[in-house]
């Protein structure tokens, strides 16, 4: 790894309608610089997209632009994603999971919760805290040998 490689990536989403192209390229470059596979990069983008979309759609409940910060950094073979916003408090760790074991037509809530389920299934740990009026979500994803680009 050269000295120009950053172990940290920080960006902000300011649009109410999320423009993922604004950070997708940064995320791809970050992954490439650290030898992470396209699959790992895609999964990371999916995690961020789900959380940011839900925050923008349900957390703010107005038509104003808001800032959601996304901070990625590496600690050894663990990618840590910290997403902060000032939306209504929402603890993803206590959110009910979808009733996947029940047929859709018999579920109490036929839709909802799939994004949270997806996020939780793609990371190793999820921590939530509320500080100074901010939701702070910390997600940890272990980088396995399969998550790295195989170089000849």
Foldseek 3Di string as FASTA:
>chain_A
DDPVQDQKDKDKAFALPGDLVVCLVVLVVNCVSVQFDPVLSVLVSLLVCLVSNCCSPPFAPDRHTFIKMWMWGDDPQKIKIKIKGLGHDDDLVPDDAFPPVDPLVPGPDSDDRPSSVSNPVQFDDWDWDADPNMIIIMTMHGHDPVRGHDDD
